[in-house]
Amino acid sequence: MAPARRAAWDTYLTLTTNLLPALRQERPDSTVNTKLSGVAIRIMRYAPLWGEHGPMLVAAARSAIRLYGAGDDDDLVALLQATADRLYLLSASRTPPPRDGRDPTSP
């Protein structure tokens, strides 16, 4: 597996198996804070591997930190789920999906 795909997969797993369940189960703030920090660090570190999707994921991570600080859990969960979906697509594809979401083979 290519390094970019592996990094996306590892970040996806951390997000979906650690952070999102902790948020949904209303774990203590210290637990969520630690897990959110870990995901944000991974995204910031590996963003250069993800081409044009890297800056978008960095912006999402920064927004997630702001939403967490503001206590806006519903929007935070929605943003993190969308981020997880993008990471999954990046990990599953040999070529990153287009930013507009269209199939590159369609006219």
N, C-alpha and C. Protein backbone atom coordinates (compact mmCIF):
# COMPACT_ATOMS: atom_id res chain seq x y z
N MET A 1 0.86 -1.18 0.00
CA MET A 1 0.00 0.00 0.00
C MET A 1 0.89 1.23 0.00
N ALA A 2 0.56 2.19 -0.84
CA ALA A 2 1.33 3.42 -0.95
C ALA A 2 1.28 4.20 0.37
N PRO A 3 2.35 4.95 0.68
CA PRO A 3 2.38 5.70 1.95
C PRO A 3 1.19 6.63 2.15
N ALA A 4 0.74 7.30 1.09
CA ALA A 4 -0.40 8.21 1.23
C ALA A 4 -1.67 7.44 1.59
N ARG A 5 -1.87 6.31 0.95
CA ARG A 5 -3.05 5.50 1.24
C ARG A 5 -2.97 4.91 2.64
N ARG A 6 -1.79 4.47 3.03
CA ARG A 6 -1.61 3.89 4.38
C ARG A 6 -1.85 4.95 5.45
N ALA A 7 -1.33 6.15 5.26
CA ALA A 7 -1.53 7.23 6.23
C ALA A 7 -3.01 7.59 6.34
N ALA A 8 -3.70 7.63 5.19
CA ALA A 8 -5.14 7.93 5.21
C ALA A 8 -5.90 6.83 5.96
N TRP A 9 -5.54 5.58 5.72
CA TRP A 9 -6.21 4.46 6.38
C TRP A 9 -5.96 4.49 7.89
N ASP A 10 -4.74 4.70 8.30
CA ASP A 10 -4.43 4.76 9.74
C ASP A 10 -5.18 5.90 10.42
N THR A 11 -5.25 7.04 9.77
CA THR A 11 -5.97 8.19 10.33
C THR A 11 -7.47 7.90 10.37
N TYR A 12 -7.98 7.28 9.32
CA TYR A 12 -9.39 6.89 9.27
C TYR A 12 -9.73 5.96 10.44
N LEU A 13 -8.90 4.95 10.65
CA LEU A 13 -9.16 4.01 11.75
C LEU A 13 -9.12 4.70 13.11
N THR A 14 -8.16 5.56 13.33
CA THR A 14 -8.07 6.29 14.59
C THR A 14 -9.32 7.13 14.81
N LEU A 15 -9.78 7.76 13.76
CA LEU A 15 -10.97 8.61 13.83
C LEU A 15 -12.22 7.80 14.11
N THR A 16 -12.40 6.70 13.38
CA THR A 16 -13.66 5.95 13.49
C THR A 16 -13.71 4.96 14.64
N THR A 17 -12.56 4.50 15.10
CA THR A 17 -12.58 3.52 16.19
C THR A 17 -12.26 4.12 17.56
N ASN A 18 -11.70 5.32 17.57
CA ASN A 18 -11.36 5.95 18.85
C ASN A 18 -12.12 7.24 19.11
N LEU A 19 -11.95 8.21 18.22
CA LEU A 19 -12.50 9.54 18.49
C LEU A 19 -14.02 9.60 18.37
N LEU A 20 -14.58 9.16 17.26
CA LEU A 20 -16.04 9.25 17.10
C LEU A 20 -16.79 8.46 18.18
N PRO A 21 -16.38 7.23 18.51
CA PRO A 21 -17.08 6.54 19.60
C PRO A 21 -16.97 7.27 20.95
N ALA A 22 -15.82 7.87 21.21
CA ALA A 22 -15.66 8.62 22.47
C ALA A 22 -16.61 9.81 22.52
N LEU A 23 -16.78 10.50 21.39
CA LEU A 23 -17.71 11.63 21.34
C LEU A 23 -19.15 11.17 21.50
N ARG A 24 -19.50 10.09 20.84
CA ARG A 24 -20.88 9.59 20.88
C ARG A 24 -21.24 9.03 22.25
N GLN A 25 -20.26 8.53 22.97
CA GLN A 25 -20.51 7.97 24.30
C GLN A 25 -20.30 9.00 25.41
N GLU A 26 -20.07 10.24 25.01
CA GLU A 26 -19.89 11.34 25.95
C GLU A 26 -18.84 11.01 27.02
N ARG A 27 -17.68 10.61 26.55
CA ARG A 27 -16.55 10.32 27.44
C ARG A 27 -16.05 11.61 28.06
N PRO A 28 -15.24 11.51 29.11
CA PRO A 28 -14.69 12.72 29.74
C PRO A 28 -13.90 13.57 28.74
N ASP A 29 -13.90 14.87 28.98
CA ASP A 29 -13.22 15.80 28.08
C ASP A 29 -11.76 15.44 27.85
N SER A 30 -11.08 14.97 28.88
CA SER A 30 -9.66 14.65 28.72
C SER A 30 -9.46 13.53 27.70
N THR A 31 -10.35 12.57 27.68
CA THR A 31 -10.26 11.47 26.71
C THR A 31 -10.49 11.98 25.30
N VAL A 32 -11.56 12.74 25.11
CA VAL A 32 -11.88 13.28 23.78
C VAL A 32 -10.78 14.23 23.31
N ASN A 33 -10.31 15.08 24.20
CA ASN A 33 -9.26 16.04 23.85
C ASN A 33 -8.01 15.31 23.36
N THR A 34 -7.62 14.27 24.05
CA THR A 34 -6.44 13.50 23.66
C THR A 34 -6.63 12.85 22.29
N LYS A 35 -7.79 12.27 22.08
CA LYS A 35 -8.05 11.58 20.81
C LYS A 35 -8.17 12.58 19.65
N LEU A 36 -8.83 13.71 19.89
CA LEU A 36 -8.94 14.74 18.85
C LEU A 36 -7.56 15.29 18.50
N SER A 37 -6.75 15.51 19.50
CA SER A 37 -5.38 16.00 19.25
C SER A 37 -4.59 15.00 18.41
N GLY A 38 -4.74 13.72 18.72
CA GLY A 38 -4.04 12.69 17.96
C GLY A 38 -4.45 12.66 16.50
N VAL A 39 -5.75 12.79 16.24
CA VAL A 39 -6.23 12.80 14.86
C VAL A 39 -5.73 14.06 14.15
N ALA A 40 -5.81 15.20 14.82
CA ALA A 40 -5.36 16.46 14.20
C ALA A 40 -3.87 16.40 13.87
N ILE A 41 -3.07 15.85 14.76
CA ILE A 41 -1.63 15.73 14.52
C ILE A 41 -1.37 14.84 13.30
N ARG A 42 -2.08 13.73 13.21
CA ARG A 42 -1.90 12.84 12.05
C ARG A 42 -2.26 13.56 10.75
N ILE A 43 -3.37 14.27 10.77
CA ILE A 43 -3.79 14.98 9.55
C ILE A 43 -2.75 16.03 9.17
N MET A 44 -2.29 16.81 10.13
CA MET A 44 -1.31 17.86 9.82
C MET A 44 0.00 17.25 9.32
N ARG A 45 0.38 16.14 9.90
CA ARG A 45 1.64 15.51 9.51
C ARG A 45 1.59 14.91 8.11
N TYR A 46 0.48 14.27 7.78
CA TYR A 46 0.40 13.53 6.52
C TYR A 46 -0.29 14.31 5.39
N ALA A 47 -0.80 15.47 5.67
CA ALA A 47 -1.51 16.26 4.64
C ALA A 47 -0.70 16.44 3.35
N PRO A 48 0.61 16.65 3.42
CA PRO A 48 1.36 16.80 2.16
C PRO A 48 1.29 15.57 1.25
N LEU A 49 1.03 14.40 1.80
CA LEU A 49 0.93 13.19 1.00
C LEU A 49 -0.37 13.12 0.21
N TRP A 50 -1.37 13.89 0.60
CA TRP A 50 -2.71 13.78 0.04
C TRP A 50 -3.01 14.82 -1.03
N GLY A 51 -1.98 15.46 -1.54
CA GLY A 51 -2.15 16.40 -2.65
C GLY A 51 -3.14 17.51 -2.33
N GLU A 52 -4.03 17.76 -3.27
CA GLU A 52 -4.98 18.86 -3.10
C GLU A 52 -5.97 18.62 -1.96
N HIS A 53 -6.10 17.41 -1.50
CA HIS A 53 -7.02 17.10 -0.40
C HIS A 53 -6.41 17.41 0.96
N GLY A 54 -5.09 17.51 1.01
CA GLY A 54 -4.41 17.79 2.27
C GLY A 54 -4.84 19.09 2.93
N PRO A 55 -4.83 20.22 2.21
CA PRO A 55 -5.25 21.48 2.83
C PRO A 55 -6.70 21.46 3.33
N MET A 56 -7.57 20.76 2.59
CA MET A 56 -8.96 20.65 3.03
C MET A 56 -9.06 19.87 4.33
N LEU A 57 -8.29 18.80 4.45
CA LEU A 57 -8.31 18.01 5.67
C LEU A 57 -7.69 18.78 6.84
N VAL A 58 -6.66 19.57 6.58
CA VAL A 58 -6.07 20.41 7.62
C VAL A 58 -7.11 21.43 8.11
N ALA A 59 -7.82 22.05 7.17
CA ALA A 59 -8.86 23.02 7.55
C ALA A 59 -9.95 22.33 8.37
N ALA A 60 -10.31 21.11 7.99
CA ALA A 60 -11.33 20.37 8.75
C ALA A 60 -10.83 20.07 10.15
N ALA A 61 -9.57 19.70 10.29
CA ALA A 61 -9.02 19.42 11.62
C ALA A 61 -9.03 20.67 12.49
N ARG A 62 -8.64 21.79 11.91
CA ARG A 62 -8.65 23.05 12.67
C ARG A 62 -10.07 23.45 13.06
N SER A 63 -11.00 23.26 12.16
CA SER A 63 -12.40 23.56 12.47
C SER A 63 -12.93 22.62 13.56
N ALA A 64 -12.52 21.36 13.51
CA ALA A 64 -12.94 20.41 14.54
C ALA A 64 -12.45 20.85 15.92
N ILE A 65 -11.24 21.33 15.99
CA ILE A 65 -10.70 21.81 17.27
C ILE A 65 -11.51 23.00 17.77
N ARG A 66 -11.86 23.91 16.86
CA ARG A 66 -12.69 25.07 17.26
C ARG A 66 -14.07 24.64 17.71
N LEU A 67 -14.69 23.70 16.98
CA LEU A 67 -16.02 23.22 17.37
C LEU A 67 -15.98 22.53 18.73
N TYR A 68 -14.93 21.76 18.96
CA TYR A 68 -14.79 21.09 20.25
C TYR A 68 -14.66 22.12 21.37
N GLY A 69 -13.85 23.14 21.16
CA GLY A 69 -13.67 24.19 22.15
C GLY A 69 -14.95 24.95 22.44
N ALA A 70 -15.81 25.08 21.41
CA ALA A 70 -17.07 25.80 21.58
C ALA A 70 -18.17 24.89 22.14
N GLY A 71 -17.89 23.60 22.26
CA GLY A 71 -18.88 22.68 22.79
C GLY A 71 -19.98 22.31 21.81
N ASP A 72 -19.73 22.48 20.53
CA ASP A 72 -20.72 22.21 19.49
C ASP A 72 -20.56 20.75 19.02
N ASP A 73 -21.01 19.82 19.84
CA ASP A 73 -20.76 18.40 19.59
C ASP A 73 -21.47 17.86 18.34
N ASP A 74 -22.68 18.33 18.06
CA ASP A 74 -23.40 17.81 16.89
C ASP A 74 -22.67 18.15 15.60
N ASP A 75 -22.26 19.41 15.46
CA ASP A 75 -21.53 19.81 14.26
C ASP A 75 -20.15 19.15 14.22
N LEU A 76 -19.53 18.97 15.38
CA LEU A 76 -18.23 18.32 15.45
C LEU A 76 -18.32 16.89 14.93
N VAL A 77 -19.32 16.15 15.39
CA VAL A 77 -19.49 14.77 14.93
C VAL A 77 -19.74 14.73 13.42
N ALA A 78 -20.57 15.63 12.92
CA ALA A 78 -20.86 15.68 11.48
C ALA A 78 -19.59 15.98 10.68
N LEU A 79 -18.79 16.94 11.14
CA LEU A 79 -17.55 17.28 10.45
C LEU A 79 -16.57 16.11 10.49
N LEU A 80 -16.44 15.48 11.63
CA LEU A 80 -15.51 14.35 11.75
C LEU A 80 -15.96 13.17 10.91
N GLN A 81 -17.26 12.95 10.78
CA GLN A 81 -17.75 11.87 9.93
C GLN A 81 -17.43 12.16 8.47
N ALA A 82 -17.61 13.41 8.04
CA ALA A 82 -17.27 13.79 6.68
C ALA A 82 -15.77 13.65 6.43
N THR A 83 -14.97 14.00 7.43
CA THR A 83 -13.52 13.84 7.32
C THR A 83 -13.16 12.37 7.20
N ALA A 84 -13.80 11.53 8.00
CA ALA A 84 -13.56 10.09 7.93
C ALA A 84 -13.92 9.54 6.55
N ASP A 85 -15.04 10.01 6.00
CA ASP A 85 -15.44 9.56 4.67
C ASP A 85 -14.38 9.91 3.62
N ARG A 86 -13.83 11.13 3.69
CA ARG A 86 -12.81 11.56 2.75
C ARG A 86 -11.54 10.71 2.93
N LEU A 87 -11.16 10.47 4.18
CA LEU A 87 -9.97 9.65 4.43
C LEU A 87 -10.15 8.23 3.90
N TYR A 88 -11.35 7.70 4.04
CA TYR A 88 -11.61 6.37 3.51
C TYR A 88 -11.43 6.35 1.99
N LEU A 89 -12.00 7.34 1.31
CA LEU A 89 -11.85 7.42 -0.14
C LEU A 89 -10.39 7.53 -0.55
N LEU A 90 -9.63 8.33 0.19
CA LEU A 90 -8.20 8.47 -0.12
C LEU A 90 -7.45 7.16 0.10
N SER A 91 -7.84 6.40 1.11
CA SER A 91 -7.14 5.15 1.40
C SER A 91 -7.52 4.04 0.43
N ALA A 92 -8.72 4.11 -0.13
CA ALA A 92 -9.21 3.03 -0.98
C ALA A 92 -8.87 3.21 -2.45
N SER A 93 -8.44 4.38 -2.84
CA SER A 93 -8.23 4.69 -4.25
C SER A 93 -6.76 4.87 -4.56
N ARG A 94 -6.37 4.39 -5.71
CA ARG A 94 -4.99 4.63 -6.15
C ARG A 94 -4.81 6.07 -6.59
N THR A 95 -5.89 6.67 -7.05
CA THR A 95 -5.86 8.09 -7.39
C THR A 95 -6.91 8.78 -6.52
N PRO A 96 -6.57 9.92 -5.94
CA PRO A 96 -7.53 10.61 -5.08
C PRO A 96 -8.79 10.99 -5.85
N PRO A 97 -9.94 10.98 -5.17
CA PRO A 97 -11.17 11.37 -5.85
C PRO A 97 -11.13 12.85 -6.22
N PRO A 98 -11.82 13.22 -7.29
CA PRO A 98 -11.83 14.64 -7.67
C PRO A 98 -12.52 15.47 -6.59
N ARG A 99 -12.14 16.72 -6.48
CA ARG A 99 -12.70 17.58 -5.45
C ARG A 99 -14.17 17.86 -5.66
N ASP A 100 -14.64 17.82 -6.91
CA ASP A 100 -16.05 18.12 -7.16
C ASP A 100 -16.95 16.91 -6.96
N GLY A 101 -16.38 15.75 -6.63
CA GLY A 101 -17.15 14.56 -6.33
C GLY A 101 -17.66 13.80 -7.54
N ARG A 102 -17.37 14.27 -8.76
CA ARG A 102 -17.83 13.61 -9.97
C ARG A 102 -16.90 12.46 -10.33
N ASP A 103 -17.46 11.47 -11.00
CA ASP A 103 -16.68 10.36 -11.50
C ASP A 103 -15.79 10.86 -12.64
N PRO A 104 -14.46 10.67 -12.53
CA PRO A 104 -13.56 11.19 -13.57
C PRO A 104 -13.76 10.54 -14.92
N THR A 105 -14.45 9.40 -14.99
CA THR A 105 -14.65 8.73 -16.26
C THR A 105 -15.93 9.16 -16.95
N SER A 106 -16.78 9.92 -16.27
CA SER A 106 -18.04 10.36 -16.90
C SER A 106 -17.79 11.66 -17.67
N PRO A 107 -18.60 11.90 -18.72
CA PRO A 107 -18.40 13.11 -19.53
C PRO A 107 -18.79 14.37 -18.80
